[in-house]
Protein backbone atom coordinates (compact mmCIF):
# COMPACT_ATOMS: atom_id res chain seq x y z
CA MET A 1 0.07 -0.09 0.02
CA THR A 2 1.32 3.52 -0.95
CA SER A 3 1.69 5.96 1.99
CA SER A 4 -0.33 9.07 1.84
CA THR A 5 0.54 12.46 3.37
CA ILE A 6 -1.39 13.80 6.25
CA SER A 7 -2.05 16.90 4.21
CA ASP A 8 -3.89 14.71 1.57
CA LEU A 9 -5.75 12.65 4.18
CA LEU A 10 -7.13 15.63 5.88
CA SER A 11 -8.48 17.05 2.67
CA LYS A 12 -10.14 13.74 1.66
CA GLN A 13 -13.98 13.70 1.58
CA ASN A 14 -14.33 10.01 1.10
CA THR A 15 -14.02 7.79 4.29
CA LEU A 16 -14.15 4.25 5.03
CA GLN A 17 -11.03 3.69 2.83
CA GLU A 18 -7.91 1.90 3.85
CA VAL A 19 -4.91 4.25 4.25
CA GLN A 20 -1.28 4.05 5.17
CA VAL A 21 0.61 6.99 6.90
CA LYS A 22 4.05 7.58 8.34
CA GLY A 23 5.12 10.33 10.68
CA TRP A 24 6.22 11.29 14.07
CA VAL A 25 4.23 11.10 17.22
CA ARG A 26 3.40 14.42 18.80
CA THR A 27 1.31 13.15 21.66
CA PHE A 28 -0.12 9.71 22.77
CA ARG A 29 -3.08 9.96 25.16
CA ALA A 30 -4.79 7.49 27.19
CA ASN A 31 -2.93 4.73 25.50
CA ARG A 32 -5.43 5.06 22.73
CA PHE A 33 -5.11 8.46 20.69
CA ILE A 34 -1.93 9.26 18.82
CA ALA A 35 -1.50 12.86 17.34
CA LEU A 36 0.56 12.10 14.19
CA ASN A 37 2.60 14.51 12.12
CA ASP A 38 4.63 14.21 9.01
CA GLY A 39 5.52 17.66 8.06
CA SER A 40 3.08 18.09 5.16
CA THR A 41 0.81 20.33 7.21
CA LEU A 42 0.53 22.24 10.43
CA ASN A 43 -2.30 19.83 11.49
CA ASN A 44 -1.90 16.41 13.09
CA ILE A 45 -4.10 13.40 12.35
CA GLN A 46 -5.71 11.57 15.07
CA CYS A 47 -4.98 7.70 15.04
CA VAL A 48 -7.11 5.72 17.27
CA VAL A 49 -5.43 2.64 18.63
CA ASP A 50 -7.26 -0.38 19.76
CA PHE A 51 -5.30 -0.79 22.98
CA GLU A 52 -7.06 -4.05 23.94
CA ASN A 53 -5.91 -5.73 20.91
CA THR A 54 -2.50 -4.03 20.78
CA ASP A 55 0.79 -5.54 22.19
CA GLU A 56 1.50 -3.72 25.45
CA ALA A 57 5.32 -3.86 24.44
CA ILE A 58 4.42 -1.75 21.33
CA LEU A 59 2.18 0.68 23.21
CA LYS A 60 5.12 1.48 25.55
CA ARG A 61 7.25 2.43 22.55
CA ILE A 62 4.52 5.01 21.26
CA THR A 63 6.27 8.16 22.71
CA THR A 64 6.63 11.83 21.74
CA GLY A 65 9.17 11.92 18.84
CA ALA A 66 8.92 8.18 17.74
CA ALA A 67 8.55 7.49 14.05
CA VAL A 68 5.70 5.10 13.19
CA SER A 69 4.03 3.64 10.28
CA ILE A 70 0.24 3.11 10.74
CA LYS A 71 -2.36 1.32 8.55
CA GLY A 72 -6.03 1.75 9.15
CA THR A 73 -9.47 2.77 8.11
CA LEU A 74 -10.07 6.56 7.42
CA THR A 75 -13.26 7.49 9.31
CA GLU A 76 -15.30 10.38 10.12
CA SER A 77 -13.94 11.97 13.28
CA GLN A 78 -15.83 11.77 16.56
CA GLY A 79 -13.75 14.42 18.18
CA LYS A 80 -13.72 18.16 17.76
CA GLY A 81 -11.16 19.97 15.55
CA GLN A 82 -10.74 17.41 12.68
CA ASN A 83 -13.08 15.94 9.97
CA VAL A 84 -11.35 12.62 9.68
CA GLU A 85 -9.24 10.23 11.80
CA ILE A 86 -7.84 6.81 11.38
CA GLN A 87 -8.99 3.59 13.03
CA VAL A 88 -5.70 1.78 13.42
CA THR A 89 -5.59 -1.79 12.20
CA SER A 90 -1.73 -2.23 12.35
CA LEU A 91 1.09 -0.06 13.74
CA GLU A 92 4.92 -0.41 13.34
CA ILE A 93 7.66 1.58 15.29
CA LEU A 94 10.15 2.77 12.82
CA GLY A 95 12.24 4.42 15.08
CA ASP A 96 12.16 4.83 18.91
CA SER A 97 12.27 8.10 20.84
CA ASP A 98 13.59 8.34 24.45
CA PRO A 99 10.81 10.27 26.26
CA GLU A 100 13.26 11.30 28.90
CA SER A 101 15.76 13.18 26.79
CA TYR A 102 13.76 14.17 23.61
CA PRO A 103 14.03 18.02 23.59
CA ILE A 104 10.79 18.91 21.66
CA GLN A 105 8.10 18.05 24.26
CA PRO A 106 4.46 19.16 23.61
CA LYS A 107 4.80 22.39 25.40
CA LYS A 108 5.91 26.07 24.63
CA HIS A 109 9.50 26.39 24.09
CA SER A 110 11.64 29.61 23.62
CA PHE A 111 13.26 30.37 20.30
CA GLU A 112 16.65 30.50 22.02
CA PHE A 113 16.11 26.87 23.19
CA LEU A 114 14.98 25.86 19.71
CA ARG A 115 18.06 27.38 18.05
CA GLU A 116 20.16 25.20 20.26
CA ASN A 117 18.14 22.25 18.86
CA ALA A 118 17.90 23.53 15.20
CA HIS A 119 18.07 19.82 14.04
CA LEU A 120 14.83 19.23 15.64
CA ARG A 121 12.93 22.58 15.65
CA THR A 122 10.90 21.93 12.53
CA ARG A 123 8.89 19.42 14.55
CA THR A 124 7.24 22.34 16.08
CA ASN A 125 4.37 23.98 14.33
CA THR A 126 6.11 27.52 14.27
CA PHE A 127 9.25 26.23 12.47
CA SER A 128 7.51 23.86 10.20
CA ALA A 129 5.46 26.55 8.83
CA VAL A 130 8.28 29.00 8.44
CA MET A 131 10.25 26.40 6.52
CA ARG A 132 7.39 25.48 4.28
CA LEU A 133 6.95 29.10 3.52
CA ARG A 134 10.62 29.35 2.91
CA SER A 135 10.37 26.57 0.25
CA SER A 136 7.29 28.20 -1.41
CA LEU A 137 9.03 31.46 -1.74
CA SER A 138 12.01 29.68 -3.30
CA PHE A 139 9.79 28.09 -5.77
CA ALA A 140 7.96 31.10 -6.53
CA ILE A 141 11.24 33.00 -7.11
CA HIS A 142 12.43 30.40 -9.77
CA LYS A 143 8.91 30.27 -11.19
CA TYR A 144 8.88 34.00 -11.80
CA PHE A 145 12.06 34.47 -13.55
CA ASN A 146 11.62 31.31 -15.56
CA GLU A 147 8.13 32.62 -16.79
CA ASN A 148 9.77 36.00 -17.59
CA GLY A 149 12.55 34.82 -19.84
CA PHE A 150 15.62 34.97 -17.32
CA TYR A 151 18.36 32.42 -17.25
CA TYR A 152 19.45 30.95 -13.92
CA MET A 153 23.26 31.37 -13.49
CA HIS A 154 25.64 29.96 -10.66
CA THR A 155 27.99 32.54 -9.82
CA PRO A 156 31.31 31.64 -7.92
CA ILE A 157 31.31 31.03 -4.21
CA ILE A 158 35.07 31.59 -4.15
CA THR A 159 36.07 34.91 -5.51
CA GLY A 160 39.16 37.29 -5.64
CA SER A 161 36.98 40.38 -5.68
CA ASP A 162 35.03 42.46 -3.04
CA ALA A 163 31.86 43.32 -4.84
CA GLU A 164 30.49 45.56 -2.02
CA GLY A 165 33.91 47.06 -1.04
CA ALA A 166 33.14 46.31 2.65
CA GLY A 167 36.16 44.24 3.20
CA GLU A 168 34.19 41.94 5.62
CA MET A 169 34.91 38.68 3.83
CA PHE A 170 35.90 35.20 4.96
CA HIS A 171 39.30 34.18 3.58
CA VAL A 172 39.68 30.93 1.75
CA THR A 173 43.17 29.33 1.93
CA ASN A 174 45.03 26.07 1.49
CA LEU A 175 48.22 27.28 3.20
CA ASN A 176 49.49 25.83 6.48
CA LEU A 177 48.37 28.52 8.94
CA LYS A 178 50.97 27.46 11.45
CA ASN A 179 53.84 28.01 9.08
CA PRO A 180 52.68 29.82 5.92
CA PRO A 181 54.99 30.89 3.28
CA LEU A 182 56.31 34.58 3.45
CA THR A 183 57.48 37.07 1.04
CA GLU A 184 60.79 39.05 1.41
CA THR A 185 58.84 41.70 3.43
CA GLY A 186 57.41 39.11 5.84
CA GLU A 187 53.96 39.02 4.55
CA ILE A 188 52.01 35.87 3.69
CA ASP A 189 52.89 34.83 0.13
CA TYR A 190 49.50 33.94 -1.42
CA LYS A 191 51.24 33.03 -4.81
CA GLU A 192 52.01 29.80 -2.99
CA ASP A 193 48.23 29.34 -2.19
CA PHE A 194 45.91 26.98 -4.00
CA PHE A 195 44.62 29.75 -6.34
CA GLY A 196 47.80 31.58 -6.47
CA LYS A 197 46.21 34.65 -5.19
CA GLU A 198 44.36 35.80 -2.11
CA THR A 199 40.62 34.73 -2.29
CA ASN A 200 37.48 34.96 -0.20
CA LEU A 201 33.87 33.60 0.00
CA THR A 202 31.68 35.93 -1.99
CA VAL A 203 29.35 38.67 -0.61
CA SER A 204 27.47 38.91 -3.79
CA GLY A 205 27.24 37.32 -7.32
CA GLN A 206 26.36 40.73 -8.85
CA LEU A 207 29.52 41.60 -10.81
CA GLU A 208 29.63 38.10 -12.41
CA ALA A 209 25.87 38.22 -13.20
CA GLU A 210 26.58 41.58 -14.99
CA ALA A 211 28.95 39.81 -17.29
CA TYR A 212 26.39 37.15 -18.13
CA ALA A 213 23.59 39.81 -18.74
CA MET A 214 25.84 41.51 -21.32
CA SER A 215 25.56 38.47 -23.43
CA LEU A 216 22.56 36.41 -22.44
CA GLY A 217 20.29 39.59 -21.84
CA LYS A 218 18.38 38.57 -18.56
CA VAL A 219 19.91 36.38 -15.96
CA TYR A 220 19.49 35.97 -12.18
CA THR A 221 21.43 34.31 -9.35
CA PHE A 222 19.93 32.81 -6.35
CA GLY A 223 22.76 31.33 -4.01
CA PRO A 224 24.61 31.55 -0.84
CA THR A 225 26.76 34.68 0.17
CA PHE A 226 28.90 35.29 3.26
CA ARG A 227 29.95 38.26 5.22
CA ALA A 228 32.40 38.11 8.17
CA GLU A 229 30.59 41.10 10.00
CA ASN A 230 31.09 40.61 13.71
CA SER A 231 27.41 41.38 14.47
CA ASN A 232 25.06 39.54 16.86
CA THR A 233 21.98 41.58 15.94
CA SER A 234 18.53 39.99 14.99
CA ARG A 235 19.08 40.95 11.27
CA HIS A 236 22.63 39.67 10.70
CA LEU A 237 23.85 36.26 9.47
CA ALA A 238 27.46 35.11 8.29
CA GLU A 239 26.01 33.03 5.73
CA PHE A 240 22.74 34.00 3.95
CA TRP A 241 21.07 33.55 0.48
CA MET A 242 20.76 36.39 -2.20
CA ILE A 243 18.58 36.84 -5.35
CA GLU A 244 20.13 39.07 -7.86
CA PRO A 245 18.74 39.56 -11.39
CA GLU A 246 20.56 41.52 -14.02
CA VAL A 247 19.14 42.90 -17.16
CA ALA A 248 20.89 44.34 -20.28
CA PHE A 249 19.50 47.45 -21.84
CA MET A 250 17.28 48.19 -18.98
CA ASP A 251 17.49 51.57 -17.09
CA LEU A 252 16.45 52.49 -13.54
CA ALA A 253 12.84 52.96 -14.42
CA GLY A 254 12.75 49.36 -15.81
CA ASN A 255 14.60 48.20 -12.83
CA MET A 256 11.91 49.58 -10.59
CA ASP A 257 9.08 48.04 -12.66
CA LEU A 258 10.76 44.62 -12.58
CA ALA A 259 11.37 44.78 -8.86
CA GLU A 260 7.85 45.89 -7.93
CA ASP A 261 6.32 43.20 -10.29
CA PHE A 262 8.69 40.57 -8.88
CA MET A 263 7.80 41.28 -5.25
CA LYS A 264 4.08 41.15 -5.82
CA SER A 265 4.20 38.00 -7.86
CA VAL A 266 6.11 36.03 -5.19
CA LEU A 267 4.06 37.29 -2.14
CA SER A 268 0.92 36.64 -4.14
CA TYR A 269 2.16 33.03 -4.63
CA ILE A 270 2.20 32.19 -0.86
CA LEU A 271 -1.15 34.00 -0.21
CA LYS A 272 -2.57 31.61 -2.65
CA HIS A 273 -0.75 28.42 -1.70
CA ASN A 274 0.31 28.86 1.97
CA ARG A 275 -2.77 30.16 3.52
CA GLU A 276 -2.99 27.71 6.44
CA ASP A 277 0.69 28.50 7.51
CA LEU A 278 0.20 32.15 7.18
CA GLU A 279 -2.79 32.25 9.27
CA PHE A 280 -1.11 30.23 12.07
CA LEU A 281 1.88 32.50 11.98
CA GLU A 282 -0.53 35.56 11.96
CA LYS A 283 -2.01 34.23 15.20
CA ARG A 284 1.37 33.61 16.81
CA LEU A 285 2.34 37.14 15.93
CA LEU A 286 -0.80 38.61 17.36
CA ASP A 287 -0.31 36.77 20.64
CA GLU A 288 3.18 38.00 20.82
CA GLU A 289 2.19 41.65 20.01
CA LYS A 290 -0.18 41.58 23.06
CA THR A 291 2.86 41.18 25.35
CA LYS A 292 4.58 44.58 23.87
CA PRO A 293 3.81 47.99 24.92
CA GLN A 294 0.95 49.63 22.93
CA ALA A 295 3.51 51.93 21.31
CA GLU A 296 5.63 49.12 19.90
CA ARG A 297 2.72 47.14 18.47
CA SER A 298 2.31 46.91 14.68
CA ASP A 299 -0.68 48.56 13.09
CA MET A 300 -1.08 45.69 10.59
CA SER A 301 -1.46 41.88 10.96
CA LEU A 302 0.91 39.56 9.05
CA ILE A 303 -1.53 38.78 6.20
CA GLU A 304 -2.53 42.71 5.92
CA LYS A 305 1.23 43.52 5.64
CA ILE A 306 1.65 41.03 2.79
CA ASN A 307 -1.61 42.42 1.09
CA PHE A 308 -0.31 45.94 1.70
CA VAL A 309 2.47 45.19 -0.74
CA VAL A 310 0.48 43.07 -3.19
CA GLU A 311 -2.36 45.46 -3.55
CA ASN A 312 -0.74 48.95 -3.42
CA ASN A 313 1.26 50.66 -6.20
CA PHE A 314 4.84 51.43 -4.95
CA LYS A 315 5.27 55.15 -4.54
CA ARG A 316 8.60 56.31 -6.26
CA VAL A 317 10.22 59.13 -4.44
CA SER A 318 13.70 60.74 -4.84
CA TYR A 319 16.18 60.58 -1.94
CA THR A 320 16.13 64.34 -1.85
CA GLU A 321 12.37 64.63 -1.51
CA ALA A 322 12.51 62.01 1.24
CA ILE A 323 14.97 64.02 3.08
CA ASP A 324 12.76 67.03 3.06
CA ILE A 325 9.98 65.12 4.21
CA LEU A 326 11.97 63.59 7.08
CA LYS A 327 13.51 66.77 8.16
CA ASP A 328 10.06 68.42 8.50
CA CYS A 329 8.24 65.38 10.06
CA LYS A 330 6.96 65.45 13.65
CA PRO A 331 9.08 62.57 14.87
CA ASN A 332 12.27 64.36 13.65
CA LYS A 333 11.31 67.79 15.04
CA LYS A 334 10.33 66.29 18.35
CA LYS A 335 13.44 64.26 18.48
CA LYS A 336 11.56 61.17 18.49
CA PHE A 337 13.80 59.50 16.01
CA LYS A 338 16.91 57.78 17.43
CA TYR A 339 18.86 59.19 14.44
CA ILE A 340 17.76 62.88 13.82
CA ILE A 341 17.77 63.77 10.22
CA ASN A 342 19.61 67.25 9.90
CA GLU A 343 21.03 67.47 6.29
CA TRP A 344 21.05 66.06 2.90
CA GLY A 345 23.53 63.00 2.51
CA ALA A 346 22.41 61.24 5.74
CA ASP A 347 22.34 57.51 5.52
CA LEU A 348 18.60 56.56 6.28
CA GLN A 349 17.87 54.17 9.15
CA SER A 350 15.12 51.63 9.30
CA GLU A 351 13.05 54.00 11.50
CA HIS A 352 13.13 56.64 8.72
CA GLU A 353 12.30 54.10 6.07
CA ARG A 354 9.24 52.73 8.07
CA PHE A 355 7.86 56.42 8.85
CA LEU A 356 7.99 56.90 5.03
CA VAL A 357 6.14 53.63 4.34
CA GLU A 358 3.73 53.40 7.15
CA LYS A 359 2.91 56.91 8.30
CA HIS A 360 3.61 59.32 5.37
CA PHE A 361 2.91 57.70 2.16
CA LYS A 362 1.05 54.45 3.57
CA CYS A 363 2.17 52.39 0.71
CA PRO A 364 5.43 50.68 -0.27
CA VAL A 365 8.00 53.10 -1.31
CA ILE A 366 10.84 53.03 -3.84
CA LEU A 367 13.56 55.67 -2.98
CA PHE A 368 15.93 56.43 -5.85
CA ASP A 369 19.00 58.87 -6.81
CA TYR A 370 21.03 58.58 -3.68
CA PRO A 371 23.93 60.39 -2.78
CA ALA A 372 27.04 58.80 -4.41
CA ASP A 373 29.13 58.90 -1.20
CA ILE A 374 26.88 56.26 0.50
CA LYS A 375 26.57 53.90 -2.34
CA ALA A 376 28.65 51.49 -4.16
CA PHE A 377 31.06 52.29 -6.98
CA TYR A 378 29.39 50.30 -9.73
CA MET A 379 26.03 52.49 -9.51
CA ARG A 380 25.59 55.01 -12.46
CA LEU A 381 26.61 58.53 -11.59
CA ASN A 382 23.82 61.00 -12.43
CA GLU A 383 24.48 64.35 -14.30
CA ASP A 384 24.54 66.28 -11.25
CA GLY A 385 27.82 64.57 -10.21
CA LYS A 386 26.60 63.94 -6.65
CA THR A 387 23.92 61.47 -6.83
CA VAL A 388 23.69 57.88 -8.41
CA ARG A 389 20.94 55.95 -10.23
CA ALA A 390 20.40 53.73 -7.04
CA MET A 391 17.03 52.60 -5.74
CA ASP A 392 15.80 50.89 -2.46
CA ILE A 393 12.45 49.44 -1.99
CA LEU A 394 10.95 50.01 1.52
CA PHE A 395 8.32 47.70 3.05
CA PRO A 396 6.24 48.20 6.25
CA GLY A 397 7.67 46.74 9.57
CA ILE A 398 11.17 45.93 8.02
CA GLY A 399 12.32 49.10 6.10
CA GLU A 400 14.66 48.29 3.27
CA MET A 401 13.75 45.04 1.33
CA VAL A 402 15.43 45.56 -2.07
CA GLY A 403 18.63 47.38 -3.00
CA GLY A 404 19.53 47.94 -6.62
CA SER A 405 20.66 50.41 -9.35
CA GLN A 406 21.35 51.16 -12.97
CA ARG A 407 25.01 50.10 -13.31
CA GLU A 408 27.79 52.48 -14.51
CA GLU A 409 28.27 51.58 -18.23
CA ARG A 410 30.78 54.34 -19.04
CA LEU A 411 34.36 53.15 -18.88
CA ASP A 412 35.96 56.45 -18.08
CA VAL A 413 33.48 57.27 -15.36
CA LEU A 414 33.81 53.86 -13.73
CA LYS A 415 37.59 54.09 -13.75
CA GLU A 416 37.52 57.44 -12.02
CA LYS A 417 35.20 56.05 -9.34
CA MET A 418 37.43 52.91 -8.74
CA LYS A 419 40.46 55.27 -8.45
CA ALA A 420 38.72 57.55 -5.98
CA LEU A 421 37.94 54.46 -3.74
CA ASN A 422 41.51 52.93 -4.30
CA ILE A 423 39.89 49.84 -6.00
CA ASP A 424 42.57 48.12 -8.09
CA GLU A 425 41.83 48.02 -11.78
CA GLU A 426 43.77 44.96 -12.24
CA GLU A 427 41.71 43.07 -9.86
CA LEU A 428 38.55 43.91 -11.92
CA TRP A 429 39.98 43.97 -15.30
CA TRP A 430 37.31 41.57 -16.68
CA TYR A 431 34.54 43.99 -15.24
CA LEU A 432 36.12 46.97 -17.02
CA ASP A 433 36.10 44.77 -20.27
CA LEU A 434 32.46 44.78 -20.10
CA ARG A 435 32.56 48.43 -20.78
CA LYS A 436 35.21 48.17 -23.67
CA TYR A 437 33.23 45.63 -25.72
CA GLY A 438 29.72 46.52 -26.59
CA THR A 439 28.80 48.47 -23.36
CA ALA A 440 25.22 49.32 -22.82
CA VAL A 441 22.71 50.56 -20.12
CA HIS A 442 21.99 47.67 -17.85
CA SER A 443 20.55 47.34 -14.39
CA GLY A 444 19.72 44.88 -11.52
CA PHE A 445 18.99 44.58 -7.80
CA GLY A 446 19.59 42.37 -4.84
CA LEU A 447 17.09 40.90 -2.40
CA GLY A 448 18.27 39.13 0.81
CA PHE A 449 16.15 36.05 0.88
CA GLU A 450 16.06 35.59 4.68
CA ARG A 451 14.82 39.17 4.92
CA LEU A 452 12.03 38.33 2.54
CA VAL A 453 11.27 35.24 4.67
CA MET A 454 11.22 37.33 7.83
CA PHE A 455 8.58 39.60 6.27
CA ALA A 456 6.43 36.85 4.98
CA THR A 457 6.44 34.94 8.27
CA GLY A 458 6.50 37.70 10.75
CA MET A 459 9.59 36.28 12.53
CA GLY A 460 11.49 38.80 14.42
CA ASN A 461 14.89 37.26 14.24
CA ILE A 462 16.85 36.19 11.01
CA ARG A 463 18.26 33.11 12.69
CA ASP A 464 14.67 31.72 12.74
CA VAL A 465 14.09 31.73 9.11
CA ILE A 466 17.23 29.84 7.97
CA PRO A 467 17.61 26.08 8.78
CA PHE A 468 21.07 26.27 10.47
CA PRO A 469 22.13 29.85 11.15
CA ARG A 470 25.78 30.83 11.01
CA THR A 471 26.62 33.74 13.39
CA PRO A 472 29.72 35.07 15.35
CA GLN A 473 30.94 32.08 17.62
CA ASN A 474 28.26 29.68 16.26
CA ALA A 475 28.66 27.14 13.45
CA ASP A 476 26.81 24.26 14.98
CA PHE A 477 25.18 21.37 13.10
């Protein structure tokens, strides 16, 4: 007999059929009622054991966390909260669980405790819902780009360049760290290393994606990236995933159109396909909000936030206009902001971004034409000589969601910008080649996948939306 998923069984209308299901015991009550879950849905299916005709040794082995295979008859449920249940005819223990040491007991656990047991935390409703949503968002992303003529490319994980210029990169080496080869000046001689040069784990696949866009037209990357930033905040990971489309012959306006359509598409997908998980996480978030002071509570529920993005046109506002709005707003004048906006050129913080979205415009916002001094070298310089064709998309509750730009396609301008920032031309000779041989207007953006999953699930800590978080002093599992 072929096993069914619990999700399928709970949706069946026809009862009195023989079924088989495999999963993990959530609870076992009165030597009779097994609540079984297999990860396909939030909901357990109740399996009713005929304890009088079941071996007592088997009954003792039915404990929380045990893996079991059950055959029986799907019947209309006599209890509340479920339409069907299984009257068990045979039961096999596939894997025992020690009830004394099993960490995921049927009670409320702190997220900190569950991070310490990340290998088992998806056996809780919260984390199974989060990871199903993560999977659906991944699929929706690939689906969108595939349906819109993009080619999926795998950019290098090991790189010799620092795309962001931040310098916070993990080194990759095959040298003997106890006795590395040295140059005549006493520095490590990376010519003796595996790649013959100093290499790192990538912080972005953008530069390589630009190369492919300038021959294939429309490409995107979706892969792991790394940053050695010694930060323990709720928004930082050392290993995370990035989505980065790059498109030839597309200017900043086209980039904004693409990013808005993309975000609405992937969020619409989960509204349609993950409603049960979203409703569960929304209730969890509402319960959490009740414990916060009134001033810190969100004005919108989880599903309202997602609909807020899907149903509203994104307002396009220049950085200069946004600064004027922020300088004159009440929170700034009354010094309610943690970071007071005094002058043009300030780097906007999450509190400023959220004010623009949630209080002033009351819709998602795309800010564009940022000061060149606070943006990356590869962004196209505007005619005013002080701003670049950058854009950031701002969402409620989280602030910046997407960052992108029209890329600098002029060789002379790009060289000047690199020189001003002490970026070695020899290191990026191939990137400069793109401006020598058939240069053209092109644009792209980056989206931190975990940030999107945080927004879509309402989780407050980025460590809770990736299977095994990598953070300072933590590389368990």
